Amino acid sequence: MSRPIQQKLGREIEERGGEEYIFDQIASGVSIGKIAQSFGVSRRLLYRWRDERHAPHRPAMWADALKLSGEAHAEAGLDDLDKPGVLLGTEVQMITQRSKYRQWLAGKRDPQFAEKGIELNFNVGELHLRAVENAKQLGTVEAEVLEIEPGDLGALAPGDVVPSASEPAVETLASPAALPDELGELL
């Protein structure tokens, strides 16, 4: 990239209001690509302007503007859905997808707009042991829990499953049992 192009970009940014103009555009939800296009440069050149050595404050201000754009994208998603008039099925699908994308983007830019999901934390080994225990009680599976000490590892045959230090190995001799009620309810 030649220096004259970079200098020209700097002058044009100053003519439009300086770096605050760029940050306001970003915060308003204008894409980086569209901002670059409005100056007739590539995104890469705009990123280089952001990262110029003599302006170390720009990356932080850029990041703040991106976070602020989350609200702009959330509002734009609502605006898409609030359009009046009779719409065809394909138009409804397009508007719905655009709104979903804007909501996703808003959540990426600012976590307060992120969709809150359910976080599942479970130990697969423990669930398997419970399933085997339940099956043993029902008489459908015969199982044996093997306690293996670290010194016993040499006695294992090829193909044997080596348990982690915190979980015993389980050998199942029949088809697996149903999941424990706790996990079945989650799925």
Protein backbone atom coordinates (compact mmCIF):
# COMPACT_ATOMS: atom_id res chain seq x y z
CA MET A 1 0.00 0.00 0.00
CA SER A 2 1.38 3.33 -0.92
CA ARG A 3 1.77 6.13 1.55
CA PRO A 4 -0.09 8.70 -0.62
CA ILE A 5 -3.30 6.62 -0.44
CA GLN A 6 -2.99 6.43 3.34
CA GLN A 7 -2.39 10.18 3.56
CA LYS A 8 -5.37 10.86 1.28
CA LEU A 9 -7.58 8.71 3.54
CA GLY A 10 -6.39 10.67 6.58
CA ARG A 11 -7.23 13.98 4.89
CA GLU A 12 -10.69 12.77 3.83
CA ILE A 13 -11.45 11.52 7.33
CA GLU A 14 -10.46 14.94 8.73
CA GLU A 15 -12.68 16.68 6.16
CA ARG A 16 -15.69 14.62 7.30
CA GLY A 17 -15.19 15.34 10.99
CA GLY A 18 -12.09 13.41 12.00
CA GLU A 19 -11.84 10.11 13.77
CA GLU A 20 -15.07 10.85 15.68
CA TYR A 21 -16.87 10.60 12.33
CA ILE A 22 -15.55 7.04 11.86
CA PHE A 23 -16.41 6.01 15.41
CA ASP A 24 -19.90 7.52 15.12
CA GLN A 25 -20.48 5.59 11.90
CA ILE A 26 -19.41 2.33 13.55
CA ALA A 27 -21.51 3.00 16.66
CA SER A 28 -24.51 3.70 14.40
CA GLY A 29 -24.21 0.21 12.92
CA VAL A 30 -22.65 1.11 9.58
CA SER A 31 -20.46 -1.77 8.47
CA ILE A 32 -16.71 -1.35 8.23
CA GLY A 33 -16.96 -2.36 4.58
CA LYS A 34 -19.45 0.41 3.82
CA ILE A 35 -17.38 3.00 5.67
CA ALA A 36 -14.29 1.98 3.69
CA GLN A 37 -16.29 2.02 0.46
CA SER A 38 -17.50 5.55 1.19
CA PHE A 39 -13.84 6.63 1.18
CA GLY A 40 -13.01 4.53 -1.88
CA VAL A 41 -10.54 2.35 0.04
CA SER A 42 -10.36 -1.24 1.23
CA ARG A 43 -11.28 -2.44 4.70
CA ARG A 44 -7.63 -3.30 5.21
CA LEU A 45 -6.58 0.32 4.65
CA LEU A 46 -9.19 1.46 7.18
CA TYR A 47 -7.83 -1.05 9.69
CA ARG A 48 -4.33 0.29 9.06
CA TRP A 49 -5.62 3.81 9.76
CA ARG A 50 -7.08 2.48 13.03
CA ASP A 51 -3.75 0.91 14.00
CA GLU A 52 -1.45 3.83 13.13
CA ARG A 53 1.42 4.10 15.57
CA HIS A 54 0.90 7.81 16.27
CA ALA A 55 -2.72 7.19 17.38
CA PRO A 56 -2.58 4.43 20.03
CA HIS A 57 -6.02 5.42 21.40
CA ARG A 58 -7.87 4.44 18.20
CA PRO A 59 -8.14 0.66 18.74
CA ALA A 60 -9.83 1.19 22.13
CA MET A 61 -12.20 3.82 20.70
CA TRP A 62 -12.93 1.50 17.75
CA ALA A 63 -13.76 -1.33 20.17
CA ASP A 64 -16.05 0.98 22.18
CA ALA A 65 -17.84 2.02 18.99
CA LEU A 66 -18.31 -1.63 18.01
CA LYS A 67 -19.86 -2.35 21.40
CA LEU A 68 -22.19 0.64 21.05
CA SER A 69 -23.25 -0.65 17.65
CA GLY A 70 -24.93 -3.59 19.41
CA GLU A 71 -27.80 -1.34 20.39
CA ALA A 72 -28.06 0.04 16.86
CA HIS A 73 -28.29 -3.48 15.43
CA ALA A 74 -30.88 -4.53 18.01
CA GLU A 75 -33.00 -1.49 17.12
CA ALA A 76 -32.61 -2.14 13.39
CA GLY A 77 -33.81 -5.72 13.92
CA LEU A 78 -36.95 -4.41 15.59
CA ASP A 79 -37.43 -1.82 12.84
CA ASP A 80 -37.27 -4.64 10.26
CA LEU A 81 -40.10 -6.46 12.04
CA ASP A 82 -42.22 -3.33 12.49
CA LYS A 83 -42.55 -2.58 8.76
CA PRO A 84 -46.22 -1.97 7.91
CA GLY A 85 -48.05 -3.44 4.95
CA VAL A 86 -48.97 -6.78 3.51
CA LEU A 87 -45.98 -8.99 2.92
CA LEU A 88 -45.51 -12.10 0.82
CA GLY A 89 -44.19 -15.28 2.46
CA THR A 90 -40.69 -14.81 1.06
CA GLU A 91 -40.59 -11.22 2.29
CA VAL A 92 -41.60 -12.36 5.78
CA GLN A 93 -38.83 -14.96 5.74
CA MET A 94 -36.24 -12.41 4.59
CA ILE A 95 -37.29 -9.88 7.23
CA THR A 96 -37.29 -12.54 9.93
CA GLN A 97 -33.84 -13.80 8.96
CA ARG A 98 -32.46 -10.26 8.74
CA SER A 99 -33.86 -9.51 12.20
CA LYS A 100 -32.37 -12.71 13.63
CA TYR A 101 -28.99 -11.86 12.12
CA ARG A 102 -29.10 -8.35 13.55
CA GLN A 103 -30.00 -9.77 16.98
CA TRP A 104 -27.08 -12.20 16.75
CA LEU A 105 -24.73 -9.39 15.68
CA ALA A 106 -26.00 -7.15 18.47
CA GLY A 107 -25.25 -9.92 20.97
CA LYS A 108 -21.75 -10.37 19.58
CA ARG A 109 -21.02 -6.66 19.76
CA ASP A 110 -22.56 -6.12 23.21
CA PRO A 111 -23.24 -9.08 25.52
CA GLN A 112 -26.29 -7.39 27.05
CA PHE A 113 -28.10 -8.16 23.78
CA ALA A 114 -26.96 -11.78 23.62
CA GLU A 115 -29.54 -14.50 23.86
CA LYS A 116 -29.23 -16.22 27.19
CA GLY A 117 -29.09 -19.97 26.79
CA ILE A 118 -29.22 -22.81 29.24
CA GLU A 119 -25.83 -23.93 30.45
CA LEU A 120 -25.56 -27.65 31.10
CA ASN A 121 -22.75 -29.03 33.19
CA PHE A 122 -22.62 -32.75 33.72
CA ASN A 123 -20.09 -35.52 34.11
CA VAL A 124 -20.56 -38.17 31.42
CA GLY A 125 -18.76 -40.81 33.47
CA GLU A 126 -21.03 -40.19 36.44
CA LEU A 127 -24.12 -40.35 34.24
CA HIS A 128 -22.92 -43.62 32.74
CA LEU A 129 -22.34 -45.09 36.20
CA ARG A 130 -25.84 -44.02 37.26
CA ALA A 131 -27.34 -45.54 34.12
CA VAL A 132 -25.52 -48.81 34.78
CA GLU A 133 -26.63 -48.77 38.42
CA ASN A 134 -30.25 -48.14 37.38
CA ALA A 135 -30.03 -50.95 34.85
CA LYS A 136 -28.58 -53.32 37.45
CA GLN A 137 -31.52 -52.54 39.74
CA LEU A 138 -33.90 -53.32 36.89
CA GLY A 139 -31.97 -56.47 36.08
CA THR A 140 -31.35 -55.50 32.44
CA VAL A 141 -27.58 -55.06 32.55
CA GLU A 142 -24.80 -56.89 34.27
CA ALA A 143 -21.93 -54.54 35.05
CA GLU A 144 -18.75 -54.54 37.01
CA VAL A 145 -16.88 -51.50 38.25
CA LEU A 146 -13.14 -52.00 38.00
CA GLU A 147 -10.96 -50.07 40.41
CA ILE A 148 -7.59 -49.71 38.71
CA GLU A 149 -4.60 -48.25 40.49
CA PRO A 150 -1.91 -46.46 38.43
CA GLY A 151 0.51 -49.35 39.08
CA ASP A 152 -1.97 -51.82 37.53
CA LEU A 153 -1.88 -50.23 34.09
CA GLY A 154 0.75 -52.71 32.85
CA ALA A 155 -1.74 -55.54 33.35
CA LEU A 156 -4.25 -54.13 30.89
CA ALA A 157 -4.74 -55.92 27.60
CA PRO A 158 -4.66 -54.08 24.26
CA GLY A 159 -8.04 -52.45 23.60
CA ASP A 160 -8.90 -52.06 27.30
CA VAL A 161 -10.34 -48.68 28.23
CA VAL A 162 -8.12 -46.77 30.64
CA PRO A 163 -10.12 -44.67 33.10
CA SER A 164 -9.13 -41.22 34.25
CA ALA A 165 -7.60 -40.95 37.70
CA SER A 166 -10.87 -39.64 39.16
CA GLU A 167 -13.33 -42.10 37.59
CA PRO A 168 -13.51 -45.89 37.76
CA ALA A 169 -13.77 -47.92 34.56
CA VAL A 170 -17.13 -49.53 33.80
CA GLU A 171 -17.45 -52.69 31.77
CA THR A 172 -20.94 -53.16 30.35
CA LEU A 173 -21.85 -56.69 29.35
CA ALA A 174 -25.21 -55.98 27.73
CA SER A 175 -26.93 -53.25 25.78
CA PRO A 176 -26.82 -49.85 27.45
CA ALA A 177 -29.65 -48.90 29.75
CA ALA A 178 -31.87 -45.87 29.43
CA LEU A 179 -30.52 -42.52 30.54
CA PRO A 180 -31.10 -41.55 34.14
CA ASP A 181 -34.28 -39.54 34.68
CA GLU A 182 -32.33 -36.32 35.34
CA LEU A 183 -30.71 -36.36 31.89
CA GLY A 184 -33.79 -37.71 30.11
CA GLU A 185 -35.79 -34.71 31.34
CA LEU A 186 -33.19 -32.30 29.92
CA LEU A 187 -33.28 -33.88 26.48
